[in-house]
Each structure stands twice: as C-alpha cells, then as structure tokens.
Amino acid sequence: MRGSVQKRGNSWCIVFDLPPDPKTGKRRQQWRAVRGSKRDAERELREVLHSVEGGTYTKPTRLTLEQWLEQWLESYVRVNTSPRTTEGYEMIIYRHIIPALGAIPLAQLQPLHLQNYYAQKLQRGRVDERGPLSRQTVLHHHRLLHEALAHAVKLGILVRNPAEAVVLSRPERRVEAALRREDAEELLKIIQGSRYHVLFYTCFYTGLRRSEVLGLQWNDIELDFAFLTVVRSLHRLHNKQFVIRPTKSHRSSRPVDLPPSLALLLRQYKTEQQARRVLDGKPLAGDDFIFARSDGSPLDPDVISHAFTKLARKAGLPHIHLHSLRHAHATFLIREGLSLKMVAERLGHADVSTTLNLYTHVLPGDQAEAAKRFDRLFKKPLANC
C-alpha cells in the first residue's frame, strides 16, 4: 500500500491508498489530518499502512472520548467487573476525565493530551481545584484510560492506543509501619470494651479483610473444629446499596483456622446472639450474618472503620486503621517464623510474590543474619585487600 505525508497550511496530513473498491475495482484514497509535527504524521502513516495491509483498518468516526467511555462503561465494565469497581471507574470518568478530555474526537486523541492531563492533575487535580491528586491516584486514571483505549483498539475503533506512549513514574511505595507487640496488646485492651470488639478480634486473629468479615454467615463457621470458610464479601456503594458477592478468586475463597481463644469467643458471642433472637421471636438462622445490626441487616463498613479509628486514637495510635489489623496479623506470623507460603494462603493472596512484596520488610534481621552466615564461610578477611 502507498502513502505520503503532506503539509496543508500549518498542519500535516497523511494520504494513503485503501484496497480497491470491491465492486468497481477503482483506486481509493483516504486523507487524514494529524495533530503534531511531521514526525507524528510519519508515525501515524506507518501505523495506518500496517493496519490497512493487515486488514484491520477502520475509518475514523466522529466518536468523542466521552461517548466511547460511556459505551465502554455500559457494554464492558458493568458486565465484567464488580459493582464496587464499576462505581470507582464512573467516579474517575465523570468527575475527572470527561470534563477535561471528553470533547476530543477519539481518533484525534494524542499522547500529549494525556500527558498534559496527568500533569494538571498532579498540580491541581482535585475537583475543587484546591490541591493536587496523589501520584498513585493519577496512575489509576492512566490505567483506566489505557484499558478503555486498548479495548477500542481491539474492536478496531482505534488504530493505536495513545496511552501506550505515555509513561508515568510509579509512586514510592508506602511501607506501613509494623505494629509493635506492646501497642497491639494495648489496642486489644481498649477494643475489649467496645461494641464491635468480637468483630475487631476476628479481624486481628484471622487476618481477614473487612469485606470478608462482614460477609461471614453462621453457615461459614465450624466452631467445634475451629475454622471458618471465606466464600463471599460485603460492600456498600455510595448510593447506600449493599452488594454481596462471591470472593473474586479461588485464592480468596479459602478455609481459615481459628485460634482456640477466638473460637471460644465466637461460641460465646453466638450463644448471646441466639438468646437475643429468641426474645425477639426470630431464631438465629445459618444464613444470618455473624456480624450484623440487631434486626439482622448488614453493618455499614464505613461505620465499622470509623469506630475502630476512634479506638486506635484512644490507644495512642492515630495512624492505625482497620486494615492495619490484617497487616499486623501477617507481620506477627512472619516474625514467629511461619513461611510466606502459609501466610499467603491464610491471607488469600493470589500469589506468594504479593506477600513477599508486602511483608518482607518486617524482617530487618535477615540482612544481618545473611552477613554473619557468609562471614562464617571465610573465617578471616584478606588483610591486604
């Protein structure tokens, strides 16, 4: 296939041949304006000719980025992701991306548009324009756009994905400070007298996620054998709707052994709950949530988190949040010598590498031990080095 780059006024265009008309056999040509430099136009021409020769070329439409993102949300995201993920995508798209980039025709979207958008969000990216978005948040925006545009390429709506030409540096990974044993003991004392103390103890002694704990039903627990099975999670959307879903992977769906003290605490908790239900005339059923409101309806996850935050502050730990109990559970197990593989299984990580990345920093003595072991291989360093 033939093609060329031509200048028209202050802009550049590409001209290229399409396959002959199937009915008449006549030659067909296509013109397309390209934003940017001559080099941008040459790159665009190479990509177009490659798609024409491969039979994947589609004529650009007047579809805007806003229209495509709305189509993608409806036809792909809602069908293939959880309601919580869909809600997060909608927030980013409608509050940030569409107001900034939505009017741009999809076929004319360039890497520079995205690069400028990310730079603006890193400077004054909040909706009220009073401050920047974090680098991690902007990276989420980039990943969403990359995924949406890749889907357009897959369907033949775009020739190339402009997000592939944009590189964002990864934010520095924040390492959560490991909870000291004395701090954990003080926190457990304060938790003991709280309204949700059994729930918080369950989080700490099992390492379950908040959504997993709130999704537990009495059918999921075997107190005689001291284990429970994680099979679902519970979330609450911004519209106050509760969503109960199966765990997202076979690794997340898992049996978790209970420490004997927690099994005894849960047995006592169940006995008290059964007594209250008898008085209310509603016997406890197997599909009732273990942790619920007095009428059996689900607990609000945010209410639980806020209640824990207040207790952590009371214990003098203002930077500890509910998810820190999961982190602490894994940390103490690793310090006690439990293998990373076992910790990964207990936490429901999809891969041991996830556990390795998150928790190896809690073993600062490993480097020192490695140095000592190597030194024992060679008793004396060379004196004349």
Protein backbone atom coordinates (compact mmCIF):
# COMPACT_ATOMS: atom_id res chain seq x y z
CA MET A 1 0.00 0.00 0.00
CA ARG A 2 1.19 3.51 -0.83
CA GLY A 3 1.03 6.62 1.32
CA SER A 4 2.61 10.02 1.86
CA VAL A 5 2.82 12.91 4.30
CA GLN A 6 1.77 16.33 3.04
CA LYS A 7 1.65 19.76 4.58
CA ARG A 8 -1.56 21.76 4.39
CA GLY A 9 -1.20 25.25 5.81
CA ASN A 10 0.27 24.95 9.29
CA SER A 11 -0.73 21.32 9.78
CA TRP A 12 0.20 17.93 8.39
CA CYS A 13 -1.93 15.36 6.62
CA ILE A 14 -1.40 11.77 5.61
CA VAL A 15 -2.66 10.37 2.31
CA PHE A 16 -2.83 6.63 1.79
CA ASP A 17 -4.35 4.05 -0.52
CA LEU A 18 -7.14 1.78 0.57
CA PRO A 19 -7.89 -1.56 -1.09
CA PRO A 20 -9.65 -1.04 -4.47
CA ASP A 21 -13.40 -0.75 -4.47
CA PRO A 22 -14.70 -4.35 -4.48
CA LYS A 23 -17.47 -3.53 -6.96
CA THR A 24 -15.73 -1.25 -9.49
CA GLY A 25 -12.05 -2.05 -8.84
CA LYS A 26 -11.27 1.67 -8.76
CA ARG A 27 -8.48 3.13 -6.66
CA ARG A 28 -9.48 4.58 -3.28
CA GLN A 29 -7.55 7.12 -1.24
CA GLN A 30 -8.01 8.44 2.28
CA TRP A 31 -6.89 11.81 3.69
CA ARG A 32 -6.46 12.38 7.38
CA ALA A 33 -5.29 15.45 9.32
CA VAL A 34 -2.73 14.76 12.03
CA ARG A 35 -2.07 16.98 15.01
CA GLY A 36 1.57 17.49 15.84
CA SER A 37 4.82 17.52 13.92
CA LYS A 38 5.86 15.90 10.66
CA ARG A 39 7.39 13.08 12.68
CA ASP A 40 4.00 12.47 14.33
CA ALA A 41 2.39 12.34 10.89
CA GLU A 42 5.02 9.88 9.61
CA ARG A 43 4.45 7.61 12.61
CA GLU A 44 0.68 7.79 12.08
CA LEU A 45 1.13 6.89 8.41
CA ARG A 46 3.25 3.83 9.24
CA GLU A 47 0.64 2.60 11.70
CA VAL A 48 -2.23 3.19 9.27
CA LEU A 49 -0.47 1.40 6.41
CA HIS A 50 0.31 -1.51 8.70
CA SER A 51 -3.38 -1.79 9.68
CA VAL A 52 -4.51 -1.48 6.04
CA GLU A 53 -2.15 -4.25 4.94
CA GLY A 54 -3.26 -6.40 7.86
CA GLY A 55 -6.92 -5.89 7.06
CA THR A 56 -7.68 -4.26 10.43
CA TYR A 57 -8.07 -0.66 9.26
CA THR A 58 -11.37 1.08 10.07
CA LYS A 59 -12.30 4.56 9.00
CA PRO A 60 -12.27 7.02 11.92
CA THR A 61 -15.65 8.06 13.21
CA ARG A 62 -16.83 11.23 14.89
CA LEU A 63 -17.00 9.38 18.19
CA THR A 64 -15.67 11.51 21.07
CA LEU A 65 -13.75 10.22 24.05
CA GLU A 66 -16.78 10.96 26.23
CA GLN A 67 -19.07 8.87 24.01
CA TRP A 68 -16.60 5.99 23.88
CA LEU A 69 -16.05 5.93 27.66
CA GLU A 70 -19.81 5.84 28.23
CA GLN A 71 -20.17 2.98 25.73
CA TRP A 72 -17.25 1.13 27.34
CA LEU A 73 -18.77 1.53 30.81
CA GLU A 74 -22.11 0.17 29.67
CA SER A 75 -21.00 -2.66 27.39
CA TYR A 76 -17.84 -3.87 29.12
CA VAL A 77 -17.22 -2.54 32.63
CA ARG A 78 -20.70 -3.17 34.07
CA VAL A 79 -20.70 -6.69 32.62
CA ASN A 80 -17.19 -7.78 33.61
CA THR A 81 -16.38 -6.05 36.90
CA SER A 82 -17.88 -5.82 40.37
CA PRO A 83 -20.32 -3.02 41.27
CA ARG A 84 -17.66 -1.51 43.54
CA THR A 85 -15.11 -1.41 40.70
CA THR A 86 -17.71 0.00 38.30
CA GLU A 87 -18.54 2.72 40.80
CA GLY A 88 -14.88 3.67 41.08
CA TYR A 89 -14.49 3.84 37.29
CA GLU A 90 -17.60 6.02 36.98
CA MET A 91 -16.27 8.46 39.56
CA ILE A 92 -12.96 8.88 37.74
CA ILE A 93 -14.60 9.13 34.31
CA TYR A 94 -17.43 11.54 35.12
CA ARG A 95 -15.68 13.73 37.69
CA HIS A 96 -12.25 13.98 36.08
CA ILE A 97 -11.65 12.58 32.59
CA ILE A 98 -14.78 13.71 30.73
CA PRO A 99 -14.68 17.33 31.95
CA ALA A 100 -11.04 17.59 30.84
CA LEU A 101 -10.82 15.43 27.72
CA GLY A 102 -14.33 14.24 26.84
CA ALA A 103 -14.92 16.58 23.87
CA ILE A 104 -11.84 15.38 21.95
CA PRO A 105 -12.69 13.09 18.99
CA LEU A 106 -11.46 9.62 19.88
CA ALA A 107 -9.46 9.27 16.64
CA GLN A 108 -7.65 12.56 17.35
CA LEU A 109 -6.68 11.78 20.93
CA GLN A 110 -2.91 12.14 21.22
CA PRO A 111 -0.35 11.16 23.89
CA LEU A 112 0.25 14.87 24.52
CA HIS A 113 -3.40 15.30 25.56
CA LEU A 114 -2.96 12.59 28.17
CA GLN A 115 0.44 13.85 29.32
CA ASN A 116 -0.96 17.35 29.87
CA TYR A 117 -3.97 15.92 31.67
CA TYR A 118 -1.79 13.96 34.10
CA ALA A 119 0.43 17.00 34.72
CA GLN A 120 -2.61 19.13 35.52
CA LYS A 121 -3.98 16.50 37.91
CA LEU A 122 -0.64 16.31 39.72
CA GLN A 123 -0.70 20.09 40.20
CA ARG A 124 -4.34 20.97 40.91
CA GLY A 125 -6.26 17.83 40.23
CA ARG A 126 -8.92 17.86 42.91
CA VAL A 127 -12.45 18.59 41.75
CA ASP A 128 -12.49 21.81 43.82
CA GLU A 129 -9.04 22.69 42.35
CA ARG A 130 -7.65 23.33 45.83
CA GLY A 131 -4.90 20.81 45.67
CA PRO A 132 -3.19 18.05 43.68
CA LEU A 133 -4.14 14.43 43.29
CA SER A 134 -1.60 11.93 44.54
CA ARG A 135 0.69 10.23 42.05
CA GLN A 136 -0.97 6.92 42.91
CA THR A 137 -4.43 8.33 42.06
CA VAL A 138 -3.21 9.76 38.75
CA LEU A 139 -1.70 6.36 37.98
CA HIS A 140 -5.19 4.87 38.47
CA HIS A 141 -6.53 7.39 35.91
CA HIS A 142 -3.80 6.35 33.46
CA ARG A 143 -4.51 2.64 33.89
CA LEU A 144 -8.24 3.21 33.34
CA LEU A 145 -7.62 5.21 30.15
CA HIS A 146 -5.11 2.66 28.91
CA GLU A 147 -7.62 -0.15 29.42
CA ALA A 148 -10.51 1.73 27.78
CA LEU A 149 -8.42 2.75 24.76
CA ALA A 150 -6.94 -0.75 24.42
CA HIS A 151 -10.49 -2.04 24.18
CA ALA A 152 -11.16 0.47 21.37
CA VAL A 153 -8.09 -0.83 19.51
CA LYS A 154 -9.24 -4.42 19.99
CA LEU A 155 -12.62 -3.60 18.45
CA GLY A 156 -10.99 -1.80 15.52
CA ILE A 157 -12.24 1.66 16.51
CA LEU A 158 -8.69 2.96 17.03
CA VAL A 159 -5.52 2.10 15.14
CA ARG A 160 -3.26 2.58 18.16
CA ASN A 161 -3.53 3.24 21.87
CA PRO A 162 -2.21 6.76 22.64
CA ALA A 163 -1.85 5.84 26.32
CA GLU A 164 0.97 3.43 25.43
CA ALA A 165 3.24 6.35 24.54
CA VAL A 166 2.80 7.99 27.94
CA VAL A 167 4.99 6.91 30.83
CA LEU A 168 4.16 7.75 34.42
CA SER A 169 6.73 7.17 37.10
CA ARG A 170 5.47 4.88 39.82
CA PRO A 171 4.89 6.49 43.21
CA GLU A 172 7.13 5.50 46.05
CA ARG A 173 5.57 2.53 47.78
CA ARG A 174 4.48 3.42 51.29
CA VAL A 175 5.55 0.81 53.77
CA GLU A 176 3.13 0.55 56.64
CA ALA A 177 4.89 0.63 59.98
CA ALA A 178 4.71 -2.72 61.75
CA LEU A 179 2.60 -2.68 64.90
CA ARG A 180 4.70 -3.32 67.98
CA ARG A 181 3.59 -6.09 70.29
CA GLU A 182 3.09 -3.74 73.26
CA ASP A 183 0.97 -1.41 71.08
CA ALA A 184 -1.11 -4.36 69.86
CA GLU A 185 -1.71 -5.50 73.44
CA GLU A 186 -2.80 -2.00 74.47
CA LEU A 187 -5.10 -1.76 71.46
CA LEU A 188 -6.70 -5.13 72.26
CA LYS A 189 -7.40 -3.97 75.83
CA ILE A 190 -9.25 -0.91 74.57
CA ILE A 191 -11.10 -2.91 71.90
CA GLN A 192 -12.34 -5.35 74.54
CA GLY A 193 -14.93 -2.96 75.93
CA SER A 194 -16.22 -1.72 72.59
CA ARG A 195 -19.48 -2.51 70.82
CA TYR A 196 -17.76 -4.33 67.95
CA HIS A 197 -14.99 -6.00 69.94
CA VAL A 198 -15.74 -9.53 68.65
CA LEU A 199 -15.59 -8.29 65.06
CA PHE A 200 -12.27 -6.50 65.67
CA TYR A 201 -10.82 -9.55 67.41
CA THR A 202 -11.84 -11.67 64.42
CA CYS A 203 -10.05 -9.29 62.06
CA PHE A 204 -6.89 -9.38 64.16
CA TYR A 205 -6.82 -13.12 64.86
CA THR A 206 -7.61 -14.23 61.28
CA GLY A 207 -6.22 -11.50 59.02
CA LEU A 208 -9.48 -11.33 57.07
CA ARG A 209 -10.34 -8.26 55.03
CA ARG A 210 -13.13 -6.01 56.29
CA SER A 211 -15.42 -7.06 53.43
CA GLU A 212 -14.75 -10.74 54.17
CA VAL A 213 -15.52 -10.43 57.89
CA LEU A 214 -18.75 -8.54 57.23
CA GLY A 215 -19.79 -11.16 54.66
CA LEU A 216 -19.45 -14.09 57.09
CA GLN A 217 -22.59 -16.09 57.86
CA TRP A 218 -23.04 -18.68 60.59
CA ASN A 219 -23.05 -21.42 57.95
CA ASP A 220 -19.46 -20.45 57.15
CA ILE A 221 -18.05 -21.29 60.56
CA GLU A 222 -17.42 -24.63 62.32
CA LEU A 223 -16.85 -23.77 65.97
CA ASP A 224 -16.41 -27.43 67.00
CA PHE A 225 -13.47 -27.75 64.62
CA ALA A 226 -12.29 -24.12 65.00
CA PHE A 227 -12.26 -22.98 61.38
CA LEU A 228 -14.24 -20.79 59.03
CA THR A 229 -14.52 -20.60 55.25
CA VAL A 230 -14.36 -17.35 53.32
CA VAL A 231 -16.78 -17.53 50.38
CA ARG A 232 -18.17 -14.01 49.95
CA SER A 233 -17.56 -10.34 50.59
CA LEU A 234 -19.88 -7.49 51.51
CA HIS A 235 -19.57 -3.92 50.23
CA ARG A 236 -21.65 -0.76 50.42
CA LEU A 237 -21.83 1.57 47.42
CA HIS A 238 -22.12 5.35 47.50
CA ASN A 239 -25.84 5.04 46.81
CA LYS A 240 -26.11 3.15 50.16
CA GLN A 241 -26.86 -0.13 48.41
CA PHE A 242 -25.25 -3.24 49.90
CA VAL A 243 -23.57 -5.63 47.47
CA ILE A 244 -22.78 -9.23 48.43
CA ARG A 245 -20.51 -11.07 46.01
CA PRO A 246 -18.54 -14.30 45.89
CA THR A 247 -14.84 -13.85 46.54
CA LYS A 248 -13.04 -12.59 43.45
CA SER A 249 -10.66 -15.55 43.05
CA HIS A 250 -10.19 -19.17 44.10
CA ARG A 251 -7.35 -17.99 46.35
CA SER A 252 -9.62 -15.54 48.15
CA SER A 253 -12.14 -18.33 48.77
CA ARG A 254 -10.35 -20.30 51.47
CA PRO A 255 -10.58 -22.07 54.82
CA VAL A 256 -9.07 -20.20 57.77
CA ASP A 257 -8.24 -21.94 61.03
CA LEU A 258 -9.27 -20.12 64.18
CA PRO A 259 -7.05 -19.69 67.22
CA PRO A 260 -8.68 -21.53 70.17
CA SER A 261 -9.27 -18.29 72.09
CA LEU A 262 -11.15 -16.77 69.13
CA ALA A 263 -13.24 -19.94 68.68
CA LEU A 264 -14.29 -19.72 72.34
CA LEU A 265 -15.09 -16.00 71.99
CA LEU A 266 -17.22 -16.65 68.89
CA ARG A 267 -19.04 -19.51 70.62
CA GLN A 268 -19.96 -17.20 73.50
CA TYR A 269 -20.95 -14.48 71.04
CA LYS A 270 -23.21 -16.91 69.18
CA THR A 271 -24.89 -18.04 72.41
CA GLU A 272 -25.64 -14.42 73.33
CA GLN A 273 -26.93 -13.69 69.84
CA GLN A 274 -29.20 -16.76 69.92
CA ALA A 275 -30.66 -15.66 73.27
CA ARG A 276 -31.46 -12.19 71.92
CA ARG A 277 -33.08 -13.64 68.81
CA VAL A 278 -35.29 -15.95 70.90
CA LEU A 279 -36.53 -12.94 72.84
CA ASP A 280 -37.25 -11.15 69.55
CA GLY A 281 -39.08 -14.18 68.20
CA LYS A 282 -36.61 -14.59 65.30
CA PRO A 283 -34.40 -17.67 65.86
CA LEU A 284 -30.85 -17.44 64.56
CA ALA A 285 -30.51 -19.00 61.08
CA GLY A 286 -27.48 -20.37 59.30
CA ASP A 287 -27.62 -17.73 56.58
CA ASP A 288 -27.70 -14.87 59.08
CA PHE A 289 -24.66 -12.63 59.12
CA ILE A 290 -22.35 -13.24 62.06
CA PHE A 291 -21.80 -9.51 62.47
CA ALA A 292 -24.99 -7.59 61.83
CA ARG A 293 -27.35 -5.00 63.25
CA SER A 294 -29.95 -6.03 65.81
CA ASP A 295 -32.51 -6.67 63.04
CA GLY A 296 -30.08 -8.89 61.13
CA SER A 297 -29.33 -6.38 58.38
CA PRO A 298 -25.71 -5.82 57.27
CA LEU A 299 -23.38 -3.49 59.11
CA ASP A 300 -22.15 -0.38 57.31
CA PRO A 301 -18.43 -0.95 56.56
CA ASP A 302 -17.61 2.74 56.97
CA VAL A 303 -19.27 2.86 60.40
CA ILE A 304 -17.11 -0.08 61.48
CA SER A 305 -13.93 1.57 60.21
CA HIS A 306 -14.71 4.86 61.92
CA ALA A 307 -15.45 3.09 65.19
CA PHE A 308 -12.07 1.35 65.03
CA THR A 309 -10.22 4.58 64.19
CA LYS A 310 -11.58 6.20 67.36
CA LEU A 311 -10.37 3.26 69.44
CA ALA A 312 -6.92 3.38 67.83
CA ARG A 313 -6.61 7.07 68.69
CA LYS A 314 -7.66 6.32 72.24
CA ALA A 315 -4.82 3.78 72.37
CA GLY A 316 -2.38 6.45 71.20
CA LEU A 317 -2.13 5.02 67.67
CA PRO A 318 -3.56 7.74 65.40
CA HIS A 319 -2.10 6.23 62.20
CA ILE A 320 -3.61 2.77 62.67
CA HIS A 321 -6.74 1.88 60.71
CA LEU A 322 -8.88 -1.25 60.47
CA HIS A 323 -6.87 -2.78 57.62
CA SER A 324 -3.81 -2.48 59.87
CA LEU A 325 -5.14 -5.46 61.84
CA ARG A 326 -4.73 -7.64 58.74
CA HIS A 327 -1.24 -6.25 58.24
CA ALA A 328 -0.37 -6.88 61.90
CA HIS A 329 -1.70 -10.45 61.74
CA ALA A 330 0.65 -11.26 58.87
CA THR A 331 3.56 -9.40 60.43
CA PHE A 332 3.43 -11.28 63.74
CA LEU A 333 3.12 -14.65 61.98
CA ILE A 334 6.17 -13.95 59.82
CA ARG A 335 8.17 -12.83 62.85
CA GLU A 336 7.27 -16.10 64.54
CA GLY A 337 8.82 -17.99 61.64
CA LEU A 338 5.74 -19.00 59.64
CA SER A 339 6.60 -19.43 55.97
CA LEU A 340 5.49 -16.82 53.45
CA LYS A 341 3.59 -19.54 51.59
CA MET A 342 1.46 -20.30 54.66
CA VAL A 343 0.87 -16.60 55.33
CA ALA A 344 -0.17 -16.09 51.69
CA GLU A 345 -2.69 -18.94 51.96
CA ARG A 346 -4.10 -17.53 55.19
CA LEU A 347 -4.47 -14.04 53.74
CA GLY A 348 -5.91 -15.27 50.45
CA HIS A 349 -3.23 -13.69 48.27
CA ALA A 350 -3.32 -14.75 44.64
CA ASP A 351 0.44 -15.32 44.64
CA VAL A 352 3.21 -15.64 47.22
CA SER A 353 5.01 -12.76 45.48
CA THR A 354 2.26 -10.44 46.75
CA THR A 355 3.01 -11.48 50.32
CA LEU A 356 6.73 -11.20 49.66
CA ASN A 357 6.40 -7.61 48.38
CA LEU A 358 4.18 -6.52 51.24
CA TYR A 359 5.78 -8.10 54.27
CA THR A 360 9.47 -8.92 53.86
CA HIS A 361 10.40 -5.51 55.27
CA VAL A 362 9.24 -6.69 58.69
CA LEU A 363 12.31 -8.93 58.91
CA PRO A 364 15.14 -6.40 59.30
CA GLY A 365 17.34 -9.06 60.89
CA ASP A 366 17.55 -11.10 57.68
CA GLN A 367 20.32 -8.95 56.20
CA ALA A 368 22.37 -9.12 59.38
CA GLU A 369 21.91 -12.89 59.57
CA ALA A 370 22.95 -13.24 55.93
CA ALA A 371 26.14 -11.27 56.60
CA LYS A 372 27.01 -13.41 59.62
CA ARG A 373 26.46 -16.66 57.73
CA PHE A 374 28.65 -15.53 54.85
CA ASP A 375 31.35 -14.47 57.27
CA ARG A 376 31.40 -17.95 58.75
CA LEU A 377 32.30 -19.34 55.32
CA PHE A 378 35.55 -17.36 55.32
CA LYS A 379 36.91 -17.04 58.84
CA LYS A 380 39.33 -14.17 58.18
CA PRO A 381 39.06 -11.40 55.58
CA LEU A 382 42.15 -10.87 53.48
CA ALA A 383 44.41 -8.46 55.32
CA ASN A 384 45.97 -6.86 52.24
CA CYS A 385 42.83 -6.14 50.24
